[in-house]
């Protein structure tokens, strides 16, 4: 489905929901990020659900210039956001 979106003209595709990080790929020179994992979550079932990624896209006009993934990690057991 993500590749079909790129073929139809999408500049990038970002998936969500599985609560764990899934691989990213580049297709036809455009990024597909299947899942960013969790950023805020309150069920600490495993270490994997504490991990997430933050996606930064740089767009100029209608053109995607750059993109980066940065790791995040939920600290503590409350799942509540807090200032860092």
PDB file of N, CA and C in Angstrom:
ATOM      1  N   UNK A   1       0.820  -1.180   0.000  1.00  0.00           N
ATOM      2  CA  UNK A   1       0.000   0.000   0.000  1.00  0.00           C
ATOM      3  C   UNK A   1       0.877   1.261   0.000  1.00  0.00           C
ATOM      4  N   UNK A   2       1.950   1.253   0.796  1.00  0.00           N
ATOM      5  CA  UNK A   2       2.821   2.430   0.862  1.00  0.00           C
ATOM      6  C   UNK A   2       3.490   2.688  -0.483  1.00  0.00           C
ATOM      7  N   UNK A   3       3.954   1.631  -1.119  1.00  0.00           N
ATOM      8  CA  UNK A   3       4.588   1.803  -2.433  1.00  0.00           C
ATOM      9  C   UNK A   3       3.584   2.298  -3.467  1.00  0.00           C
ATOM     10  N   UNK A   4       2.355   1.817  -3.371  1.00  0.00           N
ATOM     11  CA  UNK A   4       1.307   2.296  -4.284  1.00  0.00           C
ATOM     12  C   UNK A   4       1.063   3.787  -4.096  1.00  0.00           C
ATOM     13  N   UNK A   5       1.124   4.247  -2.853  1.00  0.00           N
ATOM     14  CA  UNK A   5       0.953   5.676  -2.583  1.00  0.00           C
ATOM     15  C   UNK A   5       2.073   6.484  -3.230  1.00  0.00           C
ATOM     16  N   UNK A   6       3.302   5.986  -3.135  1.00  0.00           N
ATOM     17  CA  UNK A   6       4.437   6.656  -3.789  1.00  0.00           C
ATOM     18  C   UNK A   6       4.231   6.672  -5.303  1.00  0.00           C
ATOM     19  N   UNK A   7       3.836   5.525  -5.862  1.00  0.00           N
ATOM     20  CA  UNK A   7       3.607   5.446  -7.307  1.00  0.00           C
ATOM     21  C   UNK A   7       2.496   6.391  -7.757  1.00  0.00           C
ATOM     22  N   UNK A   8       1.550   6.673  -6.865  1.00  0.00           N
ATOM     23  CA  UNK A   8       0.451   7.587  -7.186  1.00  0.00           C
ATOM     24  C   UNK A   8       0.833   9.050  -6.996  1.00  0.00           C
ATOM     25  N   UNK A   9       2.074   9.301  -6.510  1.00  0.00           N
ATOM     26  CA  UNK A   9       2.542  10.681  -6.409  1.00  0.00           C
ATOM     27  C   UNK A   9       2.874  11.190  -5.025  1.00  0.00           C
ATOM     28  N   UNK A  10       2.717  10.365  -3.985  1.00  0.00           N
ATOM     29  CA  UNK A  10       3.058  10.817  -2.629  1.00  0.00           C
ATOM     30  C   UNK A  10       4.558  11.081  -2.524  1.00  0.00           C
ATOM     31  N   UNK A  11       4.927  12.118  -1.807  1.00  0.00           N
ATOM     32  CA  UNK A  11       6.338  12.438  -1.591  1.00  0.00           C
ATOM     33  C   UNK A  11       6.943  11.630  -0.456  1.00  0.00           C
ATOM     34  N   UNK A  12       6.119  11.208   0.495  1.00  0.00           N
ATOM     35  CA  UNK A  12       6.553  10.344   1.591  1.00  0.00           C
ATOM     36  C   UNK A  12       5.326   9.673   2.195  1.00  0.00           C
ATOM     37  N   UNK A  13       5.556   8.558   2.886  1.00  0.00           N
ATOM     38  CA  UNK A  13       4.474   7.834   3.552  1.00  0.00           C
ATOM     39  C   UNK A  13       4.916   7.555   4.979  1.00  0.00           C
ATOM     40  N   UNK A  14       4.040   7.849   5.946  1.00  0.00           N
ATOM     41  CA  UNK A  14       4.311   7.562   7.354  1.00  0.00           C
ATOM     42  C   UNK A  14       3.166   6.701   7.876  1.00  0.00           C
ATOM     43  N   UNK A  15       3.493   5.480   8.297  1.00  0.00           N
ATOM     44  CA  UNK A  15       2.500   4.575   8.865  1.00  0.00           C
ATOM     45  C   UNK A  15       2.469   4.704  10.379  1.00  0.00           C
ATOM     46  N   UNK A  16       1.490   4.049  10.994  1.00  0.00           N
ATOM     47  CA  UNK A  16       1.372   4.128  12.450  1.00  0.00           C
ATOM     48  C   UNK A  16       0.592   2.946  12.997  1.00  0.00           C
ATOM     49  N   UNK A  17       0.538   2.848  14.281  1.00  0.00           N
ATOM     50  CA  UNK A  17      -0.291   2.012  15.120  1.00  0.00           C
ATOM     51  C   UNK A  17       0.367   0.806  15.794  1.00  0.00           C
ATOM     52  N   UNK A  18       1.334   0.094  15.252  1.00  0.00           N
ATOM     53  CA  UNK A  18       1.753  -1.151  15.892  1.00  0.00           C
ATOM     54  C   UNK A  18       2.468  -1.005  17.238  1.00  0.00           C
ATOM     55  N   UNK A  19       2.695   0.205  17.716  1.00  0.00           N
ATOM     56  CA  UNK A  19       3.322   0.454  19.022  1.00  0.00           C
ATOM     57  C   UNK A  19       4.774   0.011  19.108  1.00  0.00           C
ATOM     58  N   UNK A  20       5.374  -0.387  18.023  1.00  0.00           N
ATOM     59  CA  UNK A  20       6.808  -0.701  17.982  1.00  0.00           C
ATOM     60  C   UNK A  20       7.376  -0.107  16.696  1.00  0.00           C
ATOM     61  N   UNK A  21       8.660   0.186  16.735  1.00  0.00           N
ATOM     62  CA  UNK A  21       9.329   0.700  15.543  1.00  0.00           C
ATOM     63  C   UNK A  21       9.345  -0.396  14.483  1.00  0.00           C
ATOM     64  N   UNK A  22       9.014  -0.033  13.267  1.00  0.00           N
ATOM     65  CA  UNK A  22       9.145  -0.944  12.138  1.00  0.00           C
ATOM     66  C   UNK A  22      10.110  -0.315  11.140  1.00  0.00           C
ATOM     67  N   UNK A  23      10.674  -1.120  10.251  1.00  0.00           N
ATOM     68  CA  UNK A  23      11.702  -0.609   9.342  1.00  0.00           C
ATOM     69  C   UNK A  23      11.204   0.533   8.450  1.00  0.00           C
ATOM     70  N   UNK A  24      12.166   1.316   7.992  1.00  0.00           N
ATOM     71  CA  UNK A  24      11.866   2.328   6.985  1.00  0.00           C
ATOM     72  C   UNK A  24      12.558   1.900   5.708  1.00  0.00           C
ATOM     73  N   UNK A  25      12.121   2.459   4.608  1.00  0.00           N
ATOM     74  CA  UNK A  25      12.748   2.169   3.324  1.00  0.00           C
ATOM     75  C   UNK A  25      12.658   3.403   2.446  1.00  0.00           C
ATOM     76  N   UNK A  26      13.445   3.411   1.414  1.00  0.00           N
ATOM     77  CA  UNK A  26      13.353   4.439   0.393  1.00  0.00           C
ATOM     78  C   UNK A  26      12.895   3.749  -0.884  1.00  0.00           C
ATOM     79  N   UNK A  27      11.821   4.248  -1.451  1.00  0.00           N
ATOM     80  CA  UNK A  27      11.262   3.664  -2.671  1.00  0.00           C
ATOM     81  C   UNK A  27      11.129   4.778  -3.702  1.00  0.00           C
ATOM     82  N   UNK A  28      11.720   4.578  -4.857  1.00  0.00           N
ATOM     83  CA  UNK A  28      11.715   5.596  -5.919  1.00  0.00           C
ATOM     84  C   UNK A  28      12.259   6.924  -5.394  1.00  0.00           C
ATOM     85  N   UNK A  29      13.235   6.837  -4.472  1.00  0.00           N
ATOM     86  CA  UNK A  29      13.861   8.026  -3.912  1.00  0.00           C
ATOM     87  C   UNK A  29      13.038   8.737  -2.856  1.00  0.00           C
ATOM     88  N   UNK A  30      11.950   8.117  -2.414  1.00  0.00           N
ATOM     89  CA  UNK A  30      11.061   8.749  -1.429  1.00  0.00           C
ATOM     90  C   UNK A  30      10.948   7.870  -0.190  1.00  0.00           C
ATOM     91  N   UNK A  31      10.916   8.483   0.992  1.00  0.00           N
ATOM     92  CA  UNK A  31      10.906   7.693   2.227  1.00  0.00           C
ATOM     93  C   UNK A  31       9.540   7.083   2.545  1.00  0.00           C
ATOM     94  N   UNK A  32       9.601   5.849   3.039  1.00  0.00           N
ATOM     95  CA  UNK A  32       8.436   5.173   3.608  1.00  0.00           C
ATOM     96  C   UNK A  32       8.832   4.756   5.015  1.00  0.00           C
ATOM     97  N   UNK A  33       8.159   5.308   6.013  1.00  0.00           N
ATOM     98  CA  UNK A  33       8.408   4.966   7.414  1.00  0.00           C
ATOM     99  C   UNK A  33       7.182   4.176   7.867  1.00  0.00           C
ATOM    100  N   UNK A  34       7.371   2.887   8.103  1.00  0.00           N
ATOM    101  CA  UNK A  34       6.223   2.015   8.368  1.00  0.00           C
ATOM    102  C   UNK A  34       5.621   2.230   9.753  1.00  0.00           C
ATOM    103  N   UNK A  35       6.434   2.507  10.753  1.00  0.00           N
ATOM    104  CA  UNK A  35       5.904   2.817  12.087  1.00  0.00           C
ATOM    105  C   UNK A  35       6.963   3.531  12.900  1.00  0.00           C
ATOM    106  N   UNK A  36       6.562   4.598  13.578  1.00  0.00           N
ATOM    107  CA  UNK A  36       7.468   5.364  14.435  1.00  0.00           C
ATOM    108  C   UNK A  36       7.493   4.845  15.865  1.00  0.00           C
ATOM    109  N   UNK A  37       6.731   3.796  16.165  1.00  0.00           N
ATOM    110  CA  UNK A  37       6.689   3.289  17.538  1.00  0.00           C
ATOM    111  C   UNK A  37       5.891   4.227  18.422  1.00  0.00           C
ATOM    112  N   UNK A  38       6.288   4.324  19.685  1.00  0.00           N
ATOM    113  CA  UNK A  38       5.558   5.138  20.659  1.00  0.00           C
ATOM    114  C   UNK A  38       6.357   6.366  21.061  1.00  0.00           C
ATOM    115  N   UNK A  39       5.637   7.452  21.315  1.00  0.00           N
ATOM    116  CA  UNK A  39       6.242   8.651  21.881  1.00  0.00           C
ATOM    117  C   UNK A  39       5.720   8.860  23.294  1.00  0.00           C
ATOM    118  N   UNK A  40       4.426   8.654  23.479  1.00  0.00           N
ATOM    119  CA  UNK A  40       3.788   8.652  24.799  1.00  0.00           C
ATOM    120  C   UNK A  40       2.915   7.406  24.833  1.00  0.00           C
ATOM    121  N   UNK A  41       3.095   6.567  25.857  1.00  0.00           N
ATOM    122  CA  UNK A  41       2.351   5.312  25.948  1.00  0.00           C
ATOM    123  C   UNK A  41       2.394   4.856  27.390  1.00  0.00           C
ATOM    124  N   UNK A  42       1.313   4.253  27.873  1.00  0.00           N
ATOM    125  CA  UNK A  42       1.265   3.906  29.293  1.00  0.00           C
ATOM    126  C   UNK A  42       1.187   2.408  29.583  1.00  0.00           C
ATOM    127  N   UNK A  43       1.475   1.561  28.614  1.00  0.00           N
ATOM    128  CA  UNK A  43       1.518   0.122  28.855  1.00  0.00           C
ATOM    129  C   UNK A  43       2.928  -0.368  28.557  1.00  0.00           C
ATOM    130  N   UNK A  44       3.699  -0.591  29.605  1.00  0.00           N
ATOM    131  CA  UNK A  44       5.104  -0.961  29.449  1.00  0.00           C
ATOM    132  C   UNK A  44       5.249  -2.483  29.396  1.00  0.00           C
ATOM    133  N   UNK A  45       4.744  -3.084  28.338  1.00  0.00           N
ATOM    134  CA  UNK A  45       4.740  -4.534  28.197  1.00  0.00           C
ATOM    135  C   UNK A  45       6.121  -5.092  27.876  1.00  0.00           C
ATOM    136  N   UNK A  46       6.934  -4.324  27.196  1.00  0.00           N
ATOM    137  CA  UNK A  46       8.292  -4.751  26.850  1.00  0.00           C
ATOM    138  C   UNK A  46       9.124  -3.513  26.564  1.00  0.00           C
ATOM    139  N   UNK A  47      10.421  -3.711  26.466  1.00  0.00           N
ATOM    140  CA  UNK A  47      11.309  -2.592  26.159  1.00  0.00           C
ATOM    141  C   UNK A  47      11.005  -2.010  24.775  1.00  0.00           C
ATOM    142  N   UNK A  48      10.533  -2.854  23.865  1.00  0.00           N
ATOM    143  CA  UNK A  48      10.242  -2.384  22.507  1.00  0.00           C
ATOM    144  C   UNK A  48       9.172  -1.297  22.475  1.00  0.00           C
ATOM    145  N   UNK A  49       8.182  -1.360  23.378  1.00  0.00           N
ATOM    146  CA  UNK A  49       7.123  -0.341  23.359  1.00  0.00           C
ATOM    147  C   UNK A  49       7.580   0.973  23.979  1.00  0.00           C
ATOM    148  N   UNK A  50       8.724   0.988  24.628  1.00  0.00           N
ATOM    149  CA  UNK A  50       9.291   2.227  25.167  1.00  0.00           C
ATOM    150  C   UNK A  50      10.053   3.010  24.097  1.00  0.00           C
ATOM    151  N   UNK A  51      10.365   2.358  23.015  1.00  0.00           N
ATOM    152  CA  UNK A  51      11.177   2.979  21.960  1.00  0.00           C
ATOM    153  C   UNK A  51      10.289   3.625  20.896  1.00  0.00           C
ATOM    154  N   UNK A  52      10.753   4.733  20.417  1.00  0.00           N
ATOM    155  CA  UNK A  52      10.049   5.411  19.340  1.00  0.00           C
ATOM    156  C   UNK A  52      11.036   6.183  18.494  1.00  0.00           C
ATOM    157  N   UNK A  53      10.536   6.768  17.461  1.00  0.00           N
ATOM    158  CA  UNK A  53      11.348   7.613  16.603  1.00  0.00           C
ATOM    159  C   UNK A  53      10.588   8.903  16.339  1.00  0.00           C
ATOM    160  N   UNK A  54      11.324   9.970  16.183  1.00  0.00           N
ATOM    161  CA  UNK A  54      10.758  11.265  15.824  1.00  0.00           C
ATOM    162  C   UNK A  54      11.208  11.548  14.396  1.00  0.00           C
ATOM    163  N   UNK A  55      10.262  11.783  13.532  1.00  0.00           N
ATOM    164  CA  UNK A  55      10.546  12.051  12.129  1.00  0.00           C
ATOM    165  C   UNK A  55      10.545  13.554  11.896  1.00  0.00           C
ATOM    166  N   UNK A  56      11.616  14.052  11.309  1.00  0.00           N
ATOM    167  CA  UNK A  56      11.710  15.458  10.929  1.00  0.00           C
ATOM    168  C   UNK A  56      11.794  15.529   9.409  1.00  0.00           C
ATOM    169  N   UNK A  57      10.872  16.249   8.814  1.00  0.00           N
ATOM    170  CA  UNK A  57      10.858  16.447   7.366  1.00  0.00           C
ATOM    171  C   UNK A  57      11.160  17.903   7.068  1.00  0.00           C
ATOM    172  N   UNK A  58      12.039  18.147   6.123  1.00  0.00           N
ATOM    173  CA  UNK A  58      12.321  19.503   5.667  1.00  0.00           C
ATOM    174  C   UNK A  58      11.705  19.649   4.279  1.00  0.00           C
ATOM    175  N   UNK A  59      10.742  20.551   4.181  1.00  0.00           N
ATOM    176  CA  UNK A  59      10.017  20.761   2.934  1.00  0.00           C
ATOM    177  C   UNK A  59      10.206  22.211   2.509  1.00  0.00           C
ATOM    178  N   UNK A  60      10.510  22.400   1.239  1.00  0.00           N
ATOM    179  CA  UNK A  60      10.647  23.750   0.696  1.00  0.00           C
ATOM    180  C   UNK A  60       9.691  23.855  -0.485  1.00  0.00           C
ATOM    181  N   UNK A  61       8.716  24.742  -0.350  1.00  0.00           N
ATOM    182  CA  UNK A  61       7.673  24.799  -1.374  1.00  0.00           C
ATOM    183  C   UNK A  61       6.901  23.493  -1.360  1.00  0.00           C
ATOM    184  N   UNK A  62       6.931  22.794  -2.471  1.00  0.00           N
ATOM    185  CA  UNK A  62       6.278  21.481  -2.546  1.00  0.00           C
ATOM    186  C   UNK A  62       7.295  20.350  -2.650  1.00  0.00           C
ATOM    187  N   UNK A  63       8.551  20.632  -2.329  1.00  0.00           N
ATOM    188  CA  UNK A  63       9.608  19.641  -2.506  1.00  0.00           C
ATOM    189  C   UNK A  63      10.168  19.181  -1.162  1.00  0.00           C
ATOM    190  N   UNK A  64      10.282  17.869  -1.004  1.00  0.00           N
ATOM    191  CA  UNK A  64      10.920  17.291   0.175  1.00  0.00           C
ATOM    192  C   UNK A  64      12.427  17.435   0.009  1.00  0.00           C
ATOM    193  N   UNK A  65      13.059  18.173   0.916  1.00  0.00           N
ATOM    194  CA  UNK A  65      14.488  18.456   0.832  1.00  0.00           C
ATOM    195  C   UNK A  65      15.298  17.418   1.609  1.00  0.00           C
ATOM    196  N   UNK A  66      14.833  17.080   2.815  1.00  0.00           N
ATOM    197  CA  UNK A  66      15.599  16.180   3.680  1.00  0.00           C
ATOM    198  C   UNK A  66      14.651  15.537   4.684  1.00  0.00           C
ATOM    199  N   UNK A  67      15.072  14.426   5.249  1.00  0.00           N
ATOM    200  CA  UNK A  67      14.316  13.797   6.328  1.00  0.00           C
ATOM    201  C   UNK A  67      15.280  13.063   7.244  1.00  0.00           C
ATOM    202  N   UNK A  68      14.921  13.036   8.528  1.00  0.00           N
ATOM    203  CA  UNK A  68      15.770  12.398   9.542  1.00  0.00           C
ATOM    204  C   UNK A  68      14.890  11.670  10.544  1.00  0.00           C
ATOM    205  N   UNK A  69      15.402  10.568  11.050  1.00  0.00           N
ATOM    206  CA  UNK A  69      14.761   9.847  12.146  1.00  0.00           C
ATOM    207  C   UNK A  69      15.654   9.956  13.367  1.00  0.00           C
ATOM    208  N   UNK A  70      15.055  10.292  14.508  1.00  0.00           N
ATOM    209  CA  UNK A  70      15.802  10.357  15.771  1.00  0.00           C
ATOM    210  C   UNK A  70      15.128   9.435  16.769  1.00  0.00           C
ATOM    211  N   UNK A  71      15.932   8.759  17.551  1.00  0.00           N
ATOM    212  CA  UNK A  71      15.426   7.809  18.531  1.00  0.00           C
ATOM    213  C   UNK A  71      14.832   8.528  19.737  1.00  0.00           C
ATOM    214  N   UNK A  72      13.776   7.946  20.294  1.00  0.00           N
ATOM    215  CA  UNK A  72      13.223   8.422  21.559  1.00  0.00           C
ATOM    216  C   UNK A  72      13.006   7.209  22.454  1.00  0.00           C
ATOM    217  N   UNK A  73      12.865   7.467  23.749  1.00  0.00           N
ATOM    218  CA  UNK A  73      12.692   6.381  24.716  1.00  0.00           C
ATOM    219  C   UNK A  73      11.818   6.886  25.857  1.00  0.00           C
ATOM    220  N   UNK A  74      10.813   6.114  26.238  1.00  0.00           N
ATOM    221  CA  UNK A  74       9.925   6.486  27.336  1.00  0.00           C
ATOM    222  C   UNK A  74      10.587   6.081  28.645  1.00  0.00           C
ATOM    223  N   UNK A  75      10.850   7.055  29.506  1.00  0.00           N
ATOM    224  CA  UNK A  75      11.503   6.825  30.798  1.00  0.00           C
ATOM    225  C   UNK A  75      10.426   6.775  31.875  1.00  0.00           C
ATOM    226  N   UNK A  76      10.563   5.868  32.833  1.00  0.00           N
ATOM    227  CA  UNK A  76       9.578   5.746  33.908  1.00  0.00           C
ATOM    228  C   UNK A  76       8.452   4.811  33.504  1.00  0.00           C
ATOM    229  N   UNK A  77       7.495   4.640  34.403  1.00  0.00           N
ATOM    230  CA  UNK A  77       6.415   3.693  34.147  1.00  0.00           C
ATOM    231  C   UNK A  77       5.039   4.326  34.010  1.00  0.00           C
ATOM    232  N   UNK A  78       4.952   5.645  34.131  1.00  0.00           N
ATOM    233  CA  UNK A  78       3.631   6.273  34.089  1.00  0.00           C
ATOM    234  C   UNK A  78       3.159   6.553  32.666  1.00  0.00           C
ATOM    235  N   UNK A  79       4.086   6.632  31.728  1.00  0.00           N
ATOM    236  CA  UNK A  79       3.712   6.966  30.358  1.00  0.00           C
ATOM    237  C   UNK A  79       3.308   8.414  30.177  1.00  0.00           C
ATOM    238  N   UNK A  80       3.476   9.216  31.218  1.00  0.00           N
ATOM    239  CA  UNK A  80       3.092  10.620  31.151  1.00  0.00           C
ATOM    240  C   UNK A  80       4.224  11.450  30.566  1.00  0.00           C
ATOM    241  N   UNK A  81       3.901  12.381  29.676  1.00  0.00           N
ATOM    242  CA  UNK A  81       4.953  13.250  29.163  1.00  0.00           C
ATOM    243  C   UNK A  81       5.486  14.152  30.263  1.00  0.00           C
ATOM    244  N   UNK A  82       6.750  14.468  30.174  1.00  0.00           N
ATOM    245  CA  UNK A  82       7.355  15.393  31.138  1.00  0.00           C
ATOM    246  C   UNK A  82       8.419  16.212  30.428  1.00  0.00           C
ATOM    247  N   UNK A  83       8.718  17.363  31.003  1.00  0.00           N
ATOM    248  CA  UNK A  83       9.738  18.235  30.424  1.00  0.00           C
ATOM    249  C   UNK A  83      11.095  17.574  30.544  1.00  0.00           C
ATOM    250  N   UNK A  84      11.905  17.744  29.516  1.00  0.00           N
ATOM    251  CA  UNK A  84      13.265  17.197  29.516  1.00  0.00           C
ATOM    252  C   UNK A  84      14.244  18.348  29.540  1.00  0.00           C
TER     253      UNK A  84
END
